[in-house]
Protein backbone atom coordinates (compact mmCIF):
# COMPACT_ATOMS: atom_id res chain seq x y z
CA LYS A 1 55.18 11.77 -17.43
CA ASP A 2 53.31 12.29 -14.14
CA GLY A 3 53.48 8.58 -13.26
CA LYS A 4 49.77 8.00 -13.86
CA ARG A 5 48.95 4.57 -15.25
CA ILE A 6 46.99 4.43 -18.50
CA CYS A 7 45.64 1.60 -20.65
CA LEU A 8 46.62 1.52 -24.29
CA MET A 9 45.50 -0.54 -27.27
CA THR A 10 48.19 -1.09 -29.86
CA THR A 11 47.71 -2.26 -33.43
CA SER A 12 50.93 -3.07 -35.25
CA SER A 13 51.81 -4.18 -38.75
CA PRO A 14 55.25 -5.13 -40.09
CA ILE A 15 57.28 -2.94 -42.43
CA LYS A 16 59.20 -4.96 -44.99
CA GLY A 17 62.21 -4.00 -47.00
CA ALA A 18 62.78 -4.47 -50.73
CA ASN A 19 63.98 -8.00 -50.10
CA GLY A 20 60.83 -8.90 -48.16
CA LYS A 21 62.50 -8.95 -44.78
CA ILE A 22 60.88 -7.19 -41.83
CA ILE A 23 62.80 -4.04 -41.07
CA GLY A 24 60.42 -2.43 -38.64
CA ALA A 25 56.83 -2.00 -37.54
CA ALA A 26 54.13 0.61 -37.88
CA SER A 27 51.98 0.99 -34.80
CA ILE A 28 48.77 2.77 -33.93
CA VAL A 29 48.31 3.45 -30.22
CA ARG A 30 44.95 4.37 -28.72
CA ASP A 31 44.30 5.43 -25.12
CA ILE A 32 41.45 3.21 -23.80
CA THR A 33 41.77 4.17 -20.12
CA LYS A 34 38.30 5.75 -19.90
CA GLU A 35 36.75 3.04 -22.06
CA LYS A 36 38.16 0.30 -19.82
CA ALA A 37 37.03 2.11 -16.65
CA LEU A 38 33.49 2.41 -18.04
CA ARG A 39 33.45 -1.26 -18.99
CA GLU A 40 34.65 -2.32 -15.54
CA HIS A 41 32.02 -0.06 -13.91
CA HIS A 42 29.34 -1.62 -16.09
CA GLU A 43 30.50 -5.12 -15.15
CA ARG A 44 30.47 -4.27 -11.42
CA THR A 45 27.00 -2.73 -11.71
CA GLU A 46 25.72 -5.73 -13.64
CA GLN A 47 27.14 -8.08 -11.00
CA MET A 48 25.51 -6.05 -8.22
CA TYR A 49 22.09 -6.21 -9.89
CA ARG A 50 22.53 -9.91 -10.60
CA GLU A 51 23.18 -10.52 -6.89
CA LEU A 52 20.11 -8.45 -5.94
CA PHE A 53 18.07 -10.38 -8.51
CA GLU A 54 19.13 -13.78 -7.20
CA THR A 55 18.96 -13.02 -3.47
CA SER A 56 15.63 -11.12 -3.44
CA LYS A 57 12.83 -12.71 -1.42
CA ASP A 58 10.34 -11.39 -3.97
CA ILE A 59 9.87 -13.26 -7.23
CA ILE A 60 11.64 -11.35 -10.03
CA PHE A 61 11.28 -12.44 -13.65
CA ILE A 62 11.69 -11.55 -17.30
CA SER A 63 9.25 -13.24 -19.67
CA GLY A 64 8.77 -13.27 -23.43
CA VAL A 65 5.68 -11.99 -25.19
CA ASP A 66 4.73 -15.51 -26.30
CA GLY A 67 4.79 -16.92 -22.78
CA GLU A 68 8.26 -18.24 -22.03
CA PHE A 69 10.61 -17.32 -19.20
CA ILE A 70 13.78 -15.50 -20.22
CA ASP A 71 14.96 -15.36 -16.61
CA ILE A 72 13.58 -15.90 -13.11
CA ASN A 73 15.29 -15.76 -9.74
CA HIS A 74 15.68 -18.48 -7.13
CA ALA A 75 12.74 -17.18 -5.09
CA GLY A 76 10.46 -17.81 -8.08
CA VAL A 77 11.73 -21.32 -8.71
CA GLU A 78 11.26 -22.18 -5.04
CA ALA A 79 7.83 -20.53 -4.71
CA PHE A 80 6.34 -22.49 -7.60
CA GLY A 81 7.86 -25.80 -6.56
CA TYR A 82 10.24 -26.47 -9.44
CA LYS A 83 13.49 -28.37 -8.97
CA SER A 84 15.67 -25.93 -10.87
CA LYS A 85 15.68 -22.72 -12.88
CA LYS A 86 16.31 -24.79 -16.02
CA GLU A 87 13.10 -26.78 -15.41
CA MET A 88 11.00 -23.66 -14.84
CA MET A 89 12.47 -21.86 -17.84
CA GLY A 90 11.02 -24.61 -20.02
CA ILE A 91 7.36 -24.17 -19.04
CA ASN A 92 4.62 -22.47 -21.02
CA ILE A 93 3.55 -19.57 -18.77
CA PRO A 94 -0.12 -19.21 -19.81
CA LYS A 95 -0.83 -22.95 -19.71
CA GLU A 96 1.38 -24.11 -16.83
CA LEU A 97 1.61 -21.08 -14.52
CA PHE A 98 -1.73 -19.28 -14.82
CA ALA A 99 -4.78 -20.84 -13.17
CA ASP A 100 -6.75 -19.33 -16.07
CA PRO A 101 -4.64 -18.74 -19.23
CA ARG A 102 -6.96 -15.88 -20.25
CA ASP A 103 -5.71 -13.86 -17.27
CA ARG A 104 -2.34 -13.39 -18.98
CA ASN A 105 -4.07 -11.87 -21.99
CA HIS A 106 -5.93 -9.49 -19.67
CA LEU A 107 -2.64 -8.56 -18.00
CA GLN A 108 -0.96 -7.89 -21.36
CA GLU A 109 -3.89 -5.69 -22.36
CA LYS A 110 -3.54 -3.76 -19.10
CA ILE A 111 0.17 -3.17 -19.74
CA ALA A 112 -0.49 -2.18 -23.37
CA SER A 113 -3.14 0.30 -22.24
CA ASN A 114 -1.33 1.88 -19.24
CA GLY A 115 2.30 1.19 -20.08
CA TYR A 116 2.64 -0.84 -16.86
CA ALA A 117 0.76 -2.92 -14.30
CA VAL A 118 0.93 -2.19 -10.57
CA GLU A 119 -0.08 -4.80 -7.95
CA TYR A 120 -2.30 -6.58 -10.46
CA GLU A 121 -3.94 -9.50 -8.63
CA LEU A 122 -3.51 -12.90 -10.24
CA ARG A 123 -4.18 -16.54 -9.43
CA LEU A 124 -1.22 -18.68 -10.43
CA LYS A 125 -0.45 -22.32 -9.78
CA LYS A 126 2.52 -24.29 -8.53
CA LYS A 127 3.95 -27.30 -10.31
CA SER A 128 1.79 -29.42 -7.98
CA GLY A 129 -1.34 -27.59 -9.10
CA GLU A 130 -1.77 -25.73 -5.81
CA ILE A 131 -3.21 -22.24 -6.35
CA VAL A 132 -1.14 -19.20 -5.35
CA ASP A 133 -2.50 -15.66 -5.07
CA VAL A 134 -0.01 -12.99 -6.14
CA LEU A 135 0.27 -9.29 -6.91
CA GLU A 136 2.24 -8.53 -10.08
CA THR A 137 3.99 -5.26 -10.88
CA SER A 138 5.50 -5.27 -14.36
CA THR A 139 6.64 -3.14 -17.28
CA PRO A 140 7.33 -3.91 -20.95
CA ILE A 141 10.78 -4.18 -22.54
CA ARG A 142 10.87 -2.62 -26.01
CA ASP A 143 13.26 -2.96 -28.94
CA ASP A 144 14.73 -0.10 -30.98
CA ARG A 145 11.48 0.19 -32.97
CA GLY A 146 9.38 0.49 -29.83
CA GLU A 147 7.89 -2.97 -30.14
CA VAL A 148 7.28 -4.94 -26.92
CA VAL A 149 9.62 -7.94 -26.90
CA ALA A 150 9.41 -8.99 -23.23
CA TYR A 151 8.14 -8.11 -19.75
CA ARG A 152 10.04 -7.63 -16.51
CA GLY A 153 8.29 -7.74 -13.21
CA ILE A 154 7.97 -8.65 -9.55
CA LEU A 155 5.48 -11.05 -7.99
CA ARG A 156 4.51 -10.89 -4.31
CA ASP A 157 2.82 -13.92 -2.78
CA ILE A 158 -0.33 -12.88 -0.89
CA THR A 159 -1.81 -16.38 -0.46
CA GLU A 160 -1.52 -16.42 3.34
CA LYS A 161 -2.77 -12.83 3.60
CA LYS A 162 -5.87 -13.63 1.51
CA ALA A 163 -6.54 -16.78 3.53
CA LEU A 164 -6.33 -14.76 6.77
CA GLU A 165 -8.63 -12.07 5.34
CA GLN A 166 -11.16 -14.75 4.39
CA LYS A 167 -11.06 -16.25 7.89
CA LEU A 168 -11.56 -12.81 9.46
CA LYS A 169 -14.46 -12.13 7.10
CA GLU A 170 -16.11 -15.45 7.95
CA SER A 171 -15.58 -14.83 11.67
CA GLU A 172 -16.99 -11.32 11.36
CA GLU A 173 -20.06 -12.58 9.47
CA LYS A 174 -20.60 -15.32 12.05
CA HIS A 175 -20.45 -12.91 14.99
CA ARG A 176 -22.58 -10.36 13.16
CA SER A 177 -25.23 -13.01 12.56
CA LEU A 178 -25.20 -13.99 16.25
CA ILE A 179 -25.59 -10.34 17.28
CA GLU A 180 -28.32 -9.60 14.76
CA HIS A 181 -30.40 -12.55 15.98
CA SER A 182 -29.67 -12.07 19.68
CA PRO A 183 -32.77 -11.63 21.89
CA ASP A 184 -30.85 -8.91 23.76
CA GLY A 185 -30.60 -5.41 22.34
CA VAL A 186 -27.15 -4.59 20.94
CA ALA A 187 -26.04 -1.28 19.42
CA VAL A 188 -22.82 0.41 18.29
CA THR A 189 -22.38 4.18 18.43
CA GLN A 190 -19.82 6.46 16.85
CA GLN A 191 -19.48 10.21 17.33
CA GLY A 192 -22.79 10.36 19.13
CA LYS A 193 -24.80 8.45 16.51
CA PHE A 194 -25.99 4.88 16.13
CA VAL A 195 -24.03 3.11 13.40
CA PHE A 196 -25.39 -0.37 14.10
CA ALA A 197 -28.27 -1.90 16.00
CA ASN A 198 -29.82 -5.35 16.01
CA LYS A 199 -33.52 -6.10 15.65
CA ALA A 200 -34.02 -6.46 19.40
CA PHE A 201 -32.59 -3.00 20.09
CA ALA A 202 -34.85 -0.90 17.84
CA PRO A 203 -38.06 -1.34 19.92
CA ILE A 204 -36.22 -0.17 23.04
CA TYR A 205 -36.02 3.31 21.47
CA GLY A 206 -39.51 3.05 20.05
CA TYR A 207 -38.50 2.39 16.46
CA GLU A 208 -40.10 -0.29 14.33
CA GLY A 209 -36.97 -1.21 12.38
CA VAL A 210 -33.19 -0.96 12.48
CA ASN A 211 -33.01 1.32 9.40
CA GLU A 212 -34.94 4.03 11.24
CA LEU A 213 -32.41 4.00 14.06
CA VAL A 214 -29.09 3.97 12.21
CA ASN A 215 -27.45 7.46 11.98
CA LYS A 216 -29.85 8.85 14.59
CA PRO A 217 -28.24 10.78 17.50
CA ILE A 218 -28.24 8.70 20.69
CA THR A 219 -29.81 11.63 22.58
CA GLN A 220 -32.82 11.91 20.26
């Protein structure tokens, strides 16, 4: 009446006369305007999340309890060196993805205990066998009975970060060793106190060892 468009679902059945000929039809009409709008909204939302899933730079996955991939995005396929999603979906996760298969059991126990895992550090491996360090954040997917049927999560590759941290640590240890064994006295102060001193520095202040000097005020 007001010119507004609506969507209708019609179910019709023929009405037959005494001679068996169709003389009319009985129809049931149902307004499905809201139902159709909700379905279209759901489809748009699903498409939006699918695009986010596929274009994310982080590795996003859904895996089964027994160790199979249900879904994984392009970033995951690329990161682990597989040719296609189909190829990666066919692998056994504990045996072919984890450097140590027991780590997946530990992760599942963590999720069972806490209800989730946040930035859980793991060592995984590429198809080539190369080790990859990652942080996993994941949650369980449950069925109507509350049973865990799958896991969904995000993996962030920290391989380069860990390698850099190791190099910095080695460099720091090397320089610390050089300072500690230097014939010249070297000390570091903070807020008016000694926080570090090498062996050569302690005698300058009349102390026999470094431990006596650390945390002492520089004016003492």
